[in-house]
């Protein structure tokens, strides 16, 4: 915990390593997570479809960040964290003017059944 997943269009210029470092710092500061508990997976999508446009035109890029936290954070804390995520996306995704970026973030409570192990 936290479990962080970043789904994004493959073709965007995205500094994932720096984003992850900054994101982990924000999660620690805002949601009181432990630095060593922060884990982020990036999943690049080959095809991103938007409306009725041809997905191969690459006119629209999508990034969605999901952060799963153990229950107990207030709605205010979750909102602060999602706002911080969006600001970090603005900072770490290059805006070359070639596509429209659709960025979003959400915080969800991990289910009570959540368990983990480490080797």
PDB file of N, CA and C in Angstrom:
ATOM      1  N   UNK A   1       0.858  -1.148   0.000  1.00  0.00           N
ATOM      2  CA  UNK A   1       0.000   0.000   0.000  1.00  0.00           C
ATOM      3  C   UNK A   1       0.903   1.209   0.000  1.00  0.00           C
ATOM      4  N   UNK A   2       0.667   2.253  -0.713  1.00  0.00           N
ATOM      5  CA  UNK A   2      -0.394   2.373  -1.716  1.00  0.00           C
ATOM      6  C   UNK A   2      -0.075   1.622  -3.013  1.00  0.00           C
ATOM      7  N   UNK A   3      -1.130   1.219  -3.675  1.00  0.00           N
ATOM      8  CA  UNK A   3      -1.041   0.573  -4.982  1.00  0.00           C
ATOM      9  C   UNK A   3      -1.400   1.626  -6.027  1.00  0.00           C
ATOM     10  N   UNK A   4      -0.442   1.961  -6.879  1.00  0.00           N
ATOM     11  CA  UNK A   4      -0.640   3.035  -7.856  1.00  0.00           C
ATOM     12  C   UNK A   4      -0.526   2.449  -9.256  1.00  0.00           C
ATOM     13  N   UNK A   5      -1.497   2.756 -10.096  1.00  0.00           N
ATOM     14  CA  UNK A   5      -1.483   2.321 -11.481  1.00  0.00           C
ATOM     15  C   UNK A   5      -1.656   3.545 -12.371  1.00  0.00           C
ATOM     16  N   UNK A   6      -0.801   3.632 -13.390  1.00  0.00           N
ATOM     17  CA  UNK A   6      -0.877   4.738 -14.343  1.00  0.00           C
ATOM     18  C   UNK A   6      -1.116   4.144 -15.724  1.00  0.00           C
ATOM     19  N   UNK A   7      -2.322   4.323 -16.237  1.00  0.00           N
ATOM     20  CA  UNK A   7      -2.662   3.888 -17.591  1.00  0.00           C
ATOM     21  C   UNK A   7      -2.509   5.094 -18.503  1.00  0.00           C
ATOM     22  N   UNK A   8      -1.813   4.908 -19.631  1.00  0.00           N
ATOM     23  CA  UNK A   8      -1.588   6.064 -20.501  1.00  0.00           C
ATOM     24  C   UNK A   8      -1.411   5.646 -21.957  1.00  0.00           C
ATOM     25  N   UNK A   9      -1.711   6.585 -22.833  1.00  0.00           N
ATOM     26  CA  UNK A   9      -1.470   6.389 -24.259  1.00  0.00           C
ATOM     27  C   UNK A   9       0.035   6.219 -24.474  1.00  0.00           C
ATOM     28  N   UNK A  10       0.383   5.252 -25.294  1.00  0.00           N
ATOM     29  CA  UNK A  10       1.793   4.914 -25.483  1.00  0.00           C
ATOM     30  C   UNK A  10       2.599   6.042 -26.120  1.00  0.00           C
ATOM     31  N   UNK A  11       1.980   6.827 -26.962  1.00  0.00           N
ATOM     32  CA  UNK A  11       2.730   7.769 -27.784  1.00  0.00           C
ATOM     33  C   UNK A  11       3.062   9.099 -27.099  1.00  0.00           C
ATOM     34  N   UNK A  12       2.639   9.320 -25.872  1.00  0.00           N
ATOM     35  CA  UNK A  12       2.938  10.600 -25.234  1.00  0.00           C
ATOM     36  C   UNK A  12       4.377  10.628 -24.726  1.00  0.00           C
ATOM     37  N   UNK A  13       4.941  11.824 -24.646  1.00  0.00           N
ATOM     38  CA  UNK A  13       6.279  12.015 -24.093  1.00  0.00           C
ATOM     39  C   UNK A  13       6.121  12.214 -22.590  1.00  0.00           C
ATOM     40  N   UNK A  14       6.394  11.167 -21.827  1.00  0.00           N
ATOM     41  CA  UNK A  14       6.065  11.100 -20.411  1.00  0.00           C
ATOM     42  C   UNK A  14       7.311  10.699 -19.623  1.00  0.00           C
ATOM     43  N   UNK A  15       7.771  11.563 -18.730  1.00  0.00           N
ATOM     44  CA  UNK A  15       8.906  11.245 -17.871  1.00  0.00           C
ATOM     45  C   UNK A  15       8.391  10.431 -16.682  1.00  0.00           C
ATOM     46  N   UNK A  16       8.243   9.141 -16.908  1.00  0.00           N
ATOM     47  CA  UNK A  16       7.625   8.260 -15.912  1.00  0.00           C
ATOM     48  C   UNK A  16       8.456   8.138 -14.633  1.00  0.00           C
ATOM     49  N   UNK A  17       9.760   8.053 -14.759  1.00  0.00           N
ATOM     50  CA  UNK A  17      10.598   7.863 -13.576  1.00  0.00           C
ATOM     51  C   UNK A  17      10.506   9.054 -12.625  1.00  0.00           C
ATOM     52  N   UNK A  18      10.631  10.247 -13.167  1.00  0.00           N
ATOM     53  CA  UNK A  18      10.531  11.451 -12.331  1.00  0.00           C
ATOM     54  C   UNK A  18       9.112  11.624 -11.790  1.00  0.00           C
ATOM     55  N   UNK A  19       8.121  11.303 -12.617  1.00  0.00           N
ATOM     56  CA  UNK A  19       6.738  11.382 -12.156  1.00  0.00           C
ATOM     57  C   UNK A  19       6.543  10.468 -10.950  1.00  0.00           C
ATOM     58  N   UNK A  20       7.026   9.228 -11.041  1.00  0.00           N
ATOM     59  CA  UNK A  20       6.866   8.278  -9.935  1.00  0.00           C
ATOM     60  C   UNK A  20       7.539   8.801  -8.671  1.00  0.00           C
ATOM     61  N   UNK A  21       8.745   9.332  -8.794  1.00  0.00           N
ATOM     62  CA  UNK A  21       9.436   9.871  -7.616  1.00  0.00           C
ATOM     63  C   UNK A  21       8.634  11.008  -6.981  1.00  0.00           C
ATOM     64  N   UNK A  22       8.184  11.939  -7.804  1.00  0.00           N
ATOM     65  CA  UNK A  22       7.407  13.068  -7.278  1.00  0.00           C
ATOM     66  C   UNK A  22       6.064  12.609  -6.716  1.00  0.00           C
ATOM     67  N   UNK A  23       5.437  11.659  -7.393  1.00  0.00           N
ATOM     68  CA  UNK A  23       4.149  11.141  -6.927  1.00  0.00           C
ATOM     69  C   UNK A  23       4.304  10.453  -5.575  1.00  0.00           C
ATOM     70  N   UNK A  24       5.326   9.640  -5.436  1.00  0.00           N
ATOM     71  CA  UNK A  24       5.538   8.961  -4.156  1.00  0.00           C
ATOM     72  C   UNK A  24       5.735   9.993  -3.042  1.00  0.00           C
ATOM     73  N   UNK A  25       6.466  11.053  -3.325  1.00  0.00           N
ATOM     74  CA  UNK A  25       6.641  12.119  -2.338  1.00  0.00           C
ATOM     75  C   UNK A  25       5.322  12.758  -1.946  1.00  0.00           C
ATOM     76  N   UNK A  26       4.459  12.979  -2.931  1.00  0.00           N
ATOM     77  CA  UNK A  26       3.146  13.582  -2.648  1.00  0.00           C
ATOM     78  C   UNK A  26       2.276  12.642  -1.823  1.00  0.00           C
ATOM     79  N   UNK A  27       2.322  11.353  -2.132  1.00  0.00           N
ATOM     80  CA  UNK A  27       1.514  10.384  -1.383  1.00  0.00           C
ATOM     81  C   UNK A  27       1.987  10.314   0.070  1.00  0.00           C
ATOM     82  N   UNK A  28       3.291  10.367   0.270  1.00  0.00           N
ATOM     83  CA  UNK A  28       3.835  10.363   1.628  1.00  0.00           C
ATOM     84  C   UNK A  28       3.410  11.626   2.370  1.00  0.00           C
ATOM     85  N   UNK A  29       3.571  12.775   1.728  1.00  0.00           N
ATOM     86  CA  UNK A  29       3.251  14.052   2.373  1.00  0.00           C
ATOM     87  C   UNK A  29       1.760  14.224   2.645  1.00  0.00           C
ATOM     88  N   UNK A  30       0.936  13.912   1.667  1.00  0.00           N
ATOM     89  CA  UNK A  30      -0.498  14.204   1.773  1.00  0.00           C
ATOM     90  C   UNK A  30      -1.277  13.090   2.463  1.00  0.00           C
ATOM     91  N   UNK A  31      -0.950  11.832   2.150  1.00  0.00           N
ATOM     92  CA  UNK A  31      -1.745  10.714   2.659  1.00  0.00           C
ATOM     93  C   UNK A  31      -1.039   9.925   3.755  1.00  0.00           C
ATOM     94  N   UNK A  32       0.122  10.413   4.204  1.00  0.00           N
ATOM     95  CA  UNK A  32       0.860   9.789   5.303  1.00  0.00           C
ATOM     96  C   UNK A  32       1.239   8.335   5.023  1.00  0.00           C
ATOM     97  N   UNK A  33       1.572   8.045   3.769  1.00  0.00           N
ATOM     98  CA  UNK A  33       2.064   6.704   3.426  1.00  0.00           C
ATOM     99  C   UNK A  33       3.549   6.632   3.740  1.00  0.00           C
ATOM    100  N   UNK A  34       4.060   5.425   3.860  1.00  0.00           N
ATOM    101  CA  UNK A  34       5.498   5.232   4.061  1.00  0.00           C
ATOM    102  C   UNK A  34       6.167   5.179   2.692  1.00  0.00           C
ATOM    103  N   UNK A  35       7.314   5.831   2.527  1.00  0.00           N
ATOM    104  CA  UNK A  35       7.980   5.843   1.219  1.00  0.00           C
ATOM    105  C   UNK A  35       8.222   4.450   0.660  1.00  0.00           C
ATOM    106  N   UNK A  36       8.652   3.532   1.499  1.00  0.00           N
ATOM    107  CA  UNK A  36       8.948   2.179   1.021  1.00  0.00           C
ATOM    108  C   UNK A  36       7.703   1.380   0.655  1.00  0.00           C
ATOM    109  N   UNK A  37       6.535   1.899   0.986  1.00  0.00           N
ATOM    110  CA  UNK A  37       5.284   1.209   0.645  1.00  0.00           C
ATOM    111  C   UNK A  37       4.741   1.632  -0.722  1.00  0.00           C
ATOM    112  N   UNK A  38       5.254   2.719  -1.288  1.00  0.00           N
ATOM    113  CA  UNK A  38       4.742   3.236  -2.559  1.00  0.00           C
ATOM    114  C   UNK A  38       5.209   2.354  -3.719  1.00  0.00           C
ATOM    115  N   UNK A  39       4.267   1.880  -4.499  1.00  0.00           N
ATOM    116  CA  UNK A  39       4.543   1.042  -5.665  1.00  0.00           C
ATOM    117  C   UNK A  39       3.714   1.549  -6.837  1.00  0.00           C
ATOM    118  N   UNK A  40       4.360   1.776  -7.972  1.00  0.00           N
ATOM    119  CA  UNK A  40       3.662   2.292  -9.144  1.00  0.00           C
ATOM    120  C   UNK A  40       3.927   1.414 -10.345  1.00  0.00           C
ATOM    121  N   UNK A  41       2.856   1.082 -11.059  1.00  0.00           N
ATOM    122  CA  UNK A  41       2.948   0.355 -12.318  1.00  0.00           C
ATOM    123  C   UNK A  41       2.460   1.267 -13.437  1.00  0.00           C
ATOM    124  N   UNK A  42       3.199   1.293 -14.524  1.00  0.00           N
ATOM    125  CA  UNK A  42       2.806   2.062 -15.708  1.00  0.00           C
ATOM    126  C   UNK A  42       2.344   1.084 -16.771  1.00  0.00           C
ATOM    127  N   UNK A  43       1.191   1.364 -17.357  1.00  0.00           N
ATOM    128  CA  UNK A  43       0.657   0.523 -18.426  1.00  0.00           C
ATOM    129  C   UNK A  43       0.376   1.406 -19.642  1.00  0.00           C
ATOM    130  N   UNK A  44       1.222   1.247 -20.644  1.00  0.00           N
ATOM    131  CA  UNK A  44       1.067   2.023 -21.871  1.00  0.00           C
ATOM    132  C   UNK A  44       0.085   1.323 -22.805  1.00  0.00           C
ATOM    133  N   UNK A  45      -0.906   2.051 -23.273  1.00  0.00           N
ATOM    134  CA  UNK A  45      -1.907   1.497 -24.187  1.00  0.00           C
ATOM    135  C   UNK A  45      -1.474   1.721 -25.627  1.00  0.00           C
ATOM    136  N   UNK A  46      -1.525   0.673 -26.400  1.00  0.00           N
ATOM    137  CA  UNK A  46      -1.180   0.763 -27.823  1.00  0.00           C
ATOM    138  C   UNK A  46      -2.159   1.654 -28.574  1.00  0.00           C
ATOM    139  N   UNK A  47      -3.441   1.527 -28.228  1.00  0.00           N
ATOM    140  CA  UNK A  47      -4.486   2.273 -28.922  1.00  0.00           C
ATOM    141  C   UNK A  47      -5.319   3.023 -27.892  1.00  0.00           C
ATOM    142  N   UNK A  48      -5.537   4.299 -28.145  1.00  0.00           N
ATOM    143  CA  UNK A  48      -6.417   5.112 -27.313  1.00  0.00           C
ATOM    144  C   UNK A  48      -7.499   5.683 -28.220  1.00  0.00           C
ATOM    145  N   UNK A  49      -8.742   5.377 -27.930  1.00  0.00           N
ATOM    146  CA  UNK A  49      -9.857   5.856 -28.747  1.00  0.00           C
ATOM    147  C   UNK A  49     -10.531   7.022 -28.039  1.00  0.00           C
ATOM    148  N   UNK A  50     -10.933   8.017 -28.817  1.00  0.00           N
ATOM    149  CA  UNK A  50     -11.626   9.175 -28.278  1.00  0.00           C
ATOM    150  C   UNK A  50     -12.805   9.486 -29.178  1.00  0.00           C
ATOM    151  N   UNK A  51     -13.995   9.449 -28.618  1.00  0.00           N
ATOM    152  CA  UNK A  51     -15.193   9.765 -29.397  1.00  0.00           C
ATOM    153  C   UNK A  51     -15.275   8.922 -30.653  1.00  0.00           C
ATOM    154  N   UNK A  52     -15.573   9.576 -31.777  1.00  0.00           N
ATOM    155  CA  UNK A  52     -15.701   8.882 -33.054  1.00  0.00           C
ATOM    156  C   UNK A  52     -14.464   9.033 -33.926  1.00  0.00           C
ATOM    157  N   UNK A  53     -13.412   9.637 -33.383  1.00  0.00           N
ATOM    158  CA  UNK A  53     -12.212   9.866 -34.177  1.00  0.00           C
ATOM    159  C   UNK A  53     -11.443   8.562 -34.393  1.00  0.00           C
ATOM    160  N   UNK A  54     -10.671   8.522 -35.443  1.00  0.00           N
ATOM    161  CA  UNK A  54      -9.844   7.362 -35.738  1.00  0.00           C
ATOM    162  C   UNK A  54      -8.740   7.270 -34.692  1.00  0.00           C
ATOM    163  N   UNK A  55      -8.667   6.177 -33.916  1.00  0.00           N
ATOM    164  CA  UNK A  55      -7.636   6.063 -32.885  1.00  0.00           C
ATOM    165  C   UNK A  55      -6.216   6.159 -33.438  1.00  0.00           C
ATOM    166  N   UNK A  56      -6.013   5.830 -34.695  1.00  0.00           N
ATOM    167  CA  UNK A  56      -4.672   5.872 -35.272  1.00  0.00           C
ATOM    168  C   UNK A  56      -4.210   7.302 -35.561  1.00  0.00           C
ATOM    169  N   UNK A  57      -5.121   8.273 -35.480  1.00  0.00           N
ATOM    170  CA  UNK A  57      -4.740   9.663 -35.706  1.00  0.00           C
ATOM    171  C   UNK A  57      -3.919  10.240 -34.552  1.00  0.00           C
ATOM    172  N   UNK A  58      -3.977   9.606 -33.387  1.00  0.00           N
ATOM    173  CA  UNK A  58      -3.248  10.072 -32.207  1.00  0.00           C
ATOM    174  C   UNK A  58      -3.518  11.536 -31.896  1.00  0.00           C
ATOM    175  N   UNK A  59      -4.750  11.972 -32.107  1.00  0.00           N
ATOM    176  CA  UNK A  59      -5.111  13.355 -31.820  1.00  0.00           C
ATOM    177  C   UNK A  59      -5.437  13.594 -30.361  1.00  0.00           C
ATOM    178  N   UNK A  60      -5.678  12.509 -29.634  1.00  0.00           N
ATOM    179  CA  UNK A  60      -6.027  12.612 -28.221  1.00  0.00           C
ATOM    180  C   UNK A  60      -5.209  11.598 -27.444  1.00  0.00           C
ATOM    181  N   UNK A  61      -4.679  12.030 -26.320  1.00  0.00           N
ATOM    182  CA  UNK A  61      -3.934  11.147 -25.425  1.00  0.00           C
ATOM    183  C   UNK A  61      -4.690  11.055 -24.100  1.00  0.00           C
ATOM    184  N   UNK A  62      -4.591   9.901 -23.472  1.00  0.00           N
ATOM    185  CA  UNK A  62      -5.291   9.661 -22.217  1.00  0.00           C
ATOM    186  C   UNK A  62      -4.293   9.215 -21.159  1.00  0.00           C
ATOM    187  N   UNK A  63      -4.426   9.782 -19.968  1.00  0.00           N
ATOM    188  CA  UNK A  63      -3.670   9.332 -18.799  1.00  0.00           C
ATOM    189  C   UNK A  63      -4.654   9.251 -17.637  1.00  0.00           C
ATOM    190  N   UNK A  64      -4.671   8.110 -16.964  1.00  0.00           N
ATOM    191  CA  UNK A  64      -5.523   7.962 -15.779  1.00  0.00           C
ATOM    192  C   UNK A  64      -4.691   7.311 -14.681  1.00  0.00           C
ATOM    193  N   UNK A  65      -4.663   7.961 -13.518  1.00  0.00           N
ATOM    194  CA  UNK A  65      -3.907   7.473 -12.371  1.00  0.00           C
ATOM    195  C   UNK A  65      -4.889   7.002 -11.305  1.00  0.00           C
ATOM    196  N   UNK A  66      -4.714   5.763 -10.869  1.00  0.00           N
ATOM    197  CA  UNK A  66      -5.527   5.208  -9.792  1.00  0.00           C
ATOM    198  C   UNK A  66      -4.618   4.913  -8.609  1.00  0.00           C
ATOM    199  N   UNK A  67      -4.999   5.415  -7.450  1.00  0.00           N
ATOM    200  CA  UNK A  67      -4.227   5.175  -6.236  1.00  0.00           C
ATOM    201  C   UNK A  67      -5.123   4.448  -5.241  1.00  0.00           C
ATOM    202  N   UNK A  68      -4.723   3.249  -4.892  1.00  0.00           N
ATOM    203  CA  UNK A  68      -5.445   2.467  -3.893  1.00  0.00           C
ATOM    204  C   UNK A  68      -4.767   2.619  -2.539  1.00  0.00           C
ATOM    205  N   UNK A  69      -5.518   3.114  -1.562  1.00  0.00           N
ATOM    206  CA  UNK A  69      -5.000   3.324  -0.209  1.00  0.00           C
ATOM    207  C   UNK A  69      -5.821   2.516   0.785  1.00  0.00           C
ATOM    208  N   UNK A  70      -5.215   2.157   1.893  1.00  0.00           N
ATOM    209  CA  UNK A  70      -5.990   1.558   2.966  1.00  0.00           C
ATOM    210  C   UNK A  70      -7.039   2.565   3.419  1.00  0.00           C
ATOM    211  N   UNK A  71      -8.183   2.090   3.805  1.00  0.00           N
ATOM    212  CA  UNK A  71      -9.297   2.958   4.196  1.00  0.00           C
ATOM    213  C   UNK A  71      -8.905   3.841   5.377  1.00  0.00           C
ATOM    214  N   UNK A  72      -9.552   4.985   5.472  1.00  0.00           N
ATOM    215  CA  UNK A  72      -9.350   5.867   6.609  1.00  0.00           C
ATOM    216  C   UNK A  72      -8.985   7.292   6.248  1.00  0.00           C
ATOM    217  N   UNK A  73      -8.625   7.544   4.978  1.00  0.00           N
ATOM    218  CA  UNK A  73      -8.306   8.918   4.577  1.00  0.00           C
ATOM    219  C   UNK A  73      -9.604   9.691   4.374  1.00  0.00           C
ATOM    220  N   UNK A  74      -9.577  10.963   4.706  1.00  0.00           N
ATOM    221  CA  UNK A  74     -10.770  11.799   4.539  1.00  0.00           C
ATOM    222  C   UNK A  74     -10.960  12.133   3.062  1.00  0.00           C
ATOM    223  N   UNK A  75     -12.166  12.542   2.724  1.00  0.00           N
ATOM    224  CA  UNK A  75     -12.436  12.985   1.357  1.00  0.00           C
ATOM    225  C   UNK A  75     -11.561  14.180   0.998  1.00  0.00           C
ATOM    226  N   UNK A  76     -11.297  15.054   1.967  1.00  0.00           N
ATOM    227  CA  UNK A  76     -10.435  16.214   1.727  1.00  0.00           C
ATOM    228  C   UNK A  76      -9.010  15.761   1.372  1.00  0.00           C
ATOM    229  N   UNK A  77      -8.495  14.799   2.088  1.00  0.00           N
ATOM    230  CA  UNK A  77      -7.152  14.273   1.802  1.00  0.00           C
ATOM    231  C   UNK A  77      -7.110  13.659   0.412  1.00  0.00           C
ATOM    232  N   UNK A  78      -8.121  12.889   0.078  1.00  0.00           N
ATOM    233  CA  UNK A  78      -8.174  12.262  -1.250  1.00  0.00           C
ATOM    234  C   UNK A  78      -8.236  13.327  -2.351  1.00  0.00           C
ATOM    235  N   UNK A  79      -9.028  14.366  -2.133  1.00  0.00           N
ATOM    236  CA  UNK A  79      -9.135  15.436  -3.134  1.00  0.00           C
ATOM    237  C   UNK A  79      -7.806  16.174  -3.283  1.00  0.00           C
ATOM    238  N   UNK A  80      -7.130  16.456  -2.181  1.00  0.00           N
ATOM    239  CA  UNK A  80      -5.815  17.110  -2.247  1.00  0.00           C
ATOM    240  C   UNK A  80      -4.829  16.255  -3.034  1.00  0.00           C
ATOM    241  N   UNK A  81      -4.885  14.952  -2.816  1.00  0.00           N
ATOM    242  CA  UNK A  81      -3.956  14.068  -3.502  1.00  0.00           C
ATOM    243  C   UNK A  81      -4.262  13.995  -4.997  1.00  0.00           C
ATOM    244  N   UNK A  82      -5.521  13.921  -5.379  1.00  0.00           N
ATOM    245  CA  UNK A  82      -5.829  13.884  -6.814  1.00  0.00           C
ATOM    246  C   UNK A  82      -5.434  15.190  -7.496  1.00  0.00           C
ATOM    247  N   UNK A  83      -5.624  16.312  -6.829  1.00  0.00           N
ATOM    248  CA  UNK A  83      -5.184  17.590  -7.402  1.00  0.00           C
ATOM    249  C   UNK A  83      -3.673  17.613  -7.575  1.00  0.00           C
ATOM    250  N   UNK A  84      -2.951  17.080  -6.598  1.00  0.00           N
ATOM    251  CA  UNK A  84      -1.493  17.016  -6.702  1.00  0.00           C
ATOM    252  C   UNK A  84      -1.072  16.120  -7.865  1.00  0.00           C
ATOM    253  N   UNK A  85      -1.767  15.007  -8.048  1.00  0.00           N
ATOM    254  CA  UNK A  85      -1.466  14.103  -9.160  1.00  0.00           C
ATOM    255  C   UNK A  85      -1.628  14.831 -10.491  1.00  0.00           C
ATOM    256  N   UNK A  86      -2.713  15.560 -10.656  1.00  0.00           N
ATOM    257  CA  UNK A  86      -2.948  16.276 -11.910  1.00  0.00           C
ATOM    258  C   UNK A  86      -1.870  17.324 -12.164  1.00  0.00           C
ATOM    259  N   UNK A  87      -1.437  18.019 -11.120  1.00  0.00           N
ATOM    260  CA  UNK A  87      -0.357  18.995 -11.282  1.00  0.00           C
ATOM    261  C   UNK A  87       0.945  18.310 -11.694  1.00  0.00           C
ATOM    262  N   UNK A  88       1.211  17.148 -11.120  1.00  0.00           N
ATOM    263  CA  UNK A  88       2.425  16.406 -11.483  1.00  0.00           C
ATOM    264  C   UNK A  88       2.356  15.906 -12.924  1.00  0.00           C
ATOM    265  N   UNK A  89       1.174  15.510 -13.382  1.00  0.00           N
ATOM    266  CA  UNK A  89       1.039  15.090 -14.779  1.00  0.00           C
ATOM    267  C   UNK A  89       1.353  16.257 -15.704  1.00  0.00           C
ATOM    268  N   UNK A  90       0.860  17.444 -15.371  1.00  0.00           N
ATOM    269  CA  UNK A  90       1.158  18.633 -16.183  1.00  0.00           C
ATOM    270  C   UNK A  90       2.658  18.874 -16.265  1.00  0.00           C
ATOM    271  N   UNK A  91       3.338  18.635 -15.165  1.00  0.00           N
ATOM    272  CA  UNK A  91       4.775  18.870 -15.091  1.00  0.00           C
ATOM    273  C   UNK A  91       5.579  17.828 -15.880  1.00  0.00           C
ATOM    274  N   UNK A  92       5.139  16.575 -15.877  1.00  0.00           N
ATOM    275  CA  UNK A  92       5.958  15.485 -16.405  1.00  0.00           C
ATOM    276  C   UNK A  92       5.544  14.958 -17.783  1.00  0.00           C
ATOM    277  N   UNK A  93       4.458  15.486 -18.334  1.00  0.00           N
ATOM    278  CA  UNK A  93       4.062  15.092 -19.691  1.00  0.00           C
ATOM    279  C   UNK A  93       4.311  16.286 -20.602  1.00  0.00           C
ATOM    280  N   UNK A  94       5.145  16.063 -21.587  1.00  0.00           N
ATOM    281  CA  UNK A  94       5.515  17.129 -22.509  1.00  0.00           C
ATOM    282  C   UNK A  94       4.312  17.574 -23.329  1.00  0.00           C
ATOM    283  N   UNK A  95       4.130  18.868 -23.424  1.00  0.00           N
ATOM    284  CA  UNK A  95       3.047  19.435 -24.242  1.00  0.00           C
ATOM    285  C   UNK A  95       3.664  19.972 -25.528  1.00  0.00           C
ATOM    286  N   UNK A  96       3.651  19.140 -26.561  1.00  0.00           N
ATOM    287  CA  UNK A  96       4.221  19.579 -27.839  1.00  0.00           C
ATOM    288  C   UNK A  96       3.152  20.118 -28.785  1.00  0.00           C
ATOM    289  N   UNK A  97       1.905  20.184 -28.294  1.00  0.00           N
ATOM    290  CA  UNK A  97       0.826  20.744 -29.079  1.00  0.00           C
ATOM    291  C   UNK A  97       0.269  19.830 -30.152  1.00  0.00           C
ATOM    292  N   UNK A  98       0.742  18.588 -30.195  1.00  0.00           N
ATOM    293  CA  UNK A  98       0.302  17.690 -31.263  1.00  0.00           C
ATOM    294  C   UNK A  98      -0.950  16.901 -30.911  1.00  0.00           C
ATOM    295  N   UNK A  99      -1.324  16.839 -29.635  1.00  0.00           N
ATOM    296  CA  UNK A  99      -2.540  16.128 -29.260  1.00  0.00           C
ATOM    297  C   UNK A  99      -3.187  16.802 -28.058  1.00  0.00           C
ATOM    298  N   UNK A 100      -4.450  16.473 -27.837  1.00  0.00           N
ATOM    299  CA  UNK A 100      -5.181  16.934 -26.664  1.00  0.00           C
ATOM    300  C   UNK A 100      -4.963  15.885 -25.573  1.00  0.00           C
ATOM    301  N   UNK A 101      -4.569  16.322 -24.400  1.00  0.00           N
ATOM    302  CA  UNK A 101      -4.337  15.411 -23.286  1.00  0.00           C
ATOM    303  C   UNK A 101      -5.551  15.386 -22.376  1.00  0.00           C
ATOM    304  N   UNK A 102      -6.051  14.189 -22.113  1.00  0.00           N
ATOM    305  CA  UNK A 102      -7.162  13.975 -21.180  1.00  0.00           C
ATOM    306  C   UNK A 102      -6.564  13.274 -19.968  1.00  0.00           C
ATOM    307  N   UNK A 103      -6.397  14.003 -18.872  1.00  0.00           N
ATOM    308  CA  UNK A 103      -5.763  13.455 -17.681  1.00  0.00           C
ATOM    309  C   UNK A 103      -6.771  13.384 -16.541  1.00  0.00           C
ATOM    310  N   UNK A 104      -6.707  12.304 -15.786  1.00  0.00           N
ATOM    311  CA  UNK A 104      -7.610  12.142 -14.654  1.00  0.00           C
ATOM    312  C   UNK A 104      -6.921  11.321 -13.571  1.00  0.00           C
ATOM    313  N   UNK A 105      -7.468  11.416 -12.363  1.00  0.00           N
ATOM    314  CA  UNK A 105      -6.920  10.676 -11.235  1.00  0.00           C
ATOM    315  C   UNK A 105      -8.041  10.360 -10.259  1.00  0.00           C
ATOM    316  N   UNK A 106      -7.875   9.254  -9.558  1.00  0.00           N
ATOM    317  CA  UNK A 106      -8.835   8.895  -8.524  1.00  0.00           C
ATOM    318  C   UNK A 106      -8.123   8.171  -7.398  1.00  0.00           C
ATOM    319  N   UNK A 107      -8.667   8.341  -6.215  1.00  0.00           N
ATOM    320  CA  UNK A 107      -8.191   7.628  -5.041  1.00  0.00           C
ATOM    321  C   UNK A 107      -9.305   6.675  -4.638  1.00  0.00           C
ATOM    322  N   UNK A 108      -8.939   5.449  -4.399  1.00  0.00           N
ATOM    323  CA  UNK A 108      -9.951   4.489  -3.945  1.00  0.00           C
ATOM    324  C   UNK A 108      -9.441   3.786  -2.706  1.00  0.00           C
ATOM    325  N   UNK A 109     -10.375   3.375  -1.860  1.00  0.00           N
ATOM    326  CA  UNK A 109     -10.018   2.586  -0.691  1.00  0.00           C
ATOM    327  C   UNK A 109      -9.810   1.145  -1.106  1.00  0.00           C
ATOM    328  N   UNK A 110      -8.716   0.569  -0.656  1.00  0.00           N
ATOM    329  CA  UNK A 110      -8.504  -0.851  -0.890  1.00  0.00           C
ATOM    330  C   UNK A 110      -9.546  -1.634  -0.093  1.00  0.00           C
ATOM    331  N   UNK A 111      -9.999  -2.719  -0.647  1.00  0.00           N
ATOM    332  CA  UNK A 111     -10.989  -3.563   0.005  1.00  0.00           C
ATOM    333  C   UNK A 111     -10.401  -4.164   1.285  1.00  0.00           C
ATOM    334  N   UNK A 112     -11.265  -4.464   2.230  1.00  0.00           N
ATOM    335  CA  UNK A 112     -10.824  -5.062   3.494  1.00  0.00           C
ATOM    336  C   UNK A 112     -10.108  -6.397   3.277  1.00  0.00           C
ATOM    337  N   UNK A 113     -10.312  -7.019   2.126  1.00  0.00           N
ATOM    338  CA  UNK A 113      -9.658  -8.302   1.826  1.00  0.00           C
ATOM    339  C   UNK A 113      -8.213  -8.124   1.358  1.00  0.00           C
ATOM    340  N   UNK A 114      -7.749  -6.893   1.155  1.00  0.00           N
ATOM    341  CA  UNK A 114      -6.404  -6.635   0.640  1.00  0.00           C
ATOM    342  C   UNK A 114      -5.349  -7.278   1.531  1.00  0.00           C
ATOM    343  N   UNK A 115      -4.466  -8.027   0.908  1.00  0.00           N
ATOM    344  CA  UNK A 115      -3.323  -8.635   1.581  1.00  0.00           C
ATOM    345  C   UNK A 115      -2.127  -8.527   0.660  1.00  0.00           C
ATOM    346  N   UNK A 116      -0.929  -8.672   1.202  1.00  0.00           N
ATOM    347  CA  UNK A 116       0.271  -8.635   0.375  1.00  0.00           C
ATOM    348  C   UNK A 116       1.331  -9.524   1.000  1.00  0.00           C
ATOM    349  N   UNK A 117       2.360  -9.815   0.204  1.00  0.00           N
ATOM    350  CA  UNK A 117       3.543 -10.475   0.744  1.00  0.00           C
ATOM    351  C   UNK A 117       4.757  -9.960  -0.015  1.00  0.00           C
ATOM    352  N   UNK A 118       5.914 -10.095   0.591  1.00  0.00           N
ATOM    353  CA  UNK A 118       7.170  -9.701  -0.016  1.00  0.00           C
ATOM    354  C   UNK A 118       8.137 -10.866   0.093  1.00  0.00           C
ATOM    355  N   UNK A 119       9.029 -10.981  -0.884  1.00  0.00           N
ATOM    356  CA  UNK A 119      10.081 -12.012  -0.812  1.00  0.00           C
ATOM    357  C   UNK A 119      11.410 -11.353  -0.634  1.00  0.00           C
TER     358      UNK A 119
END
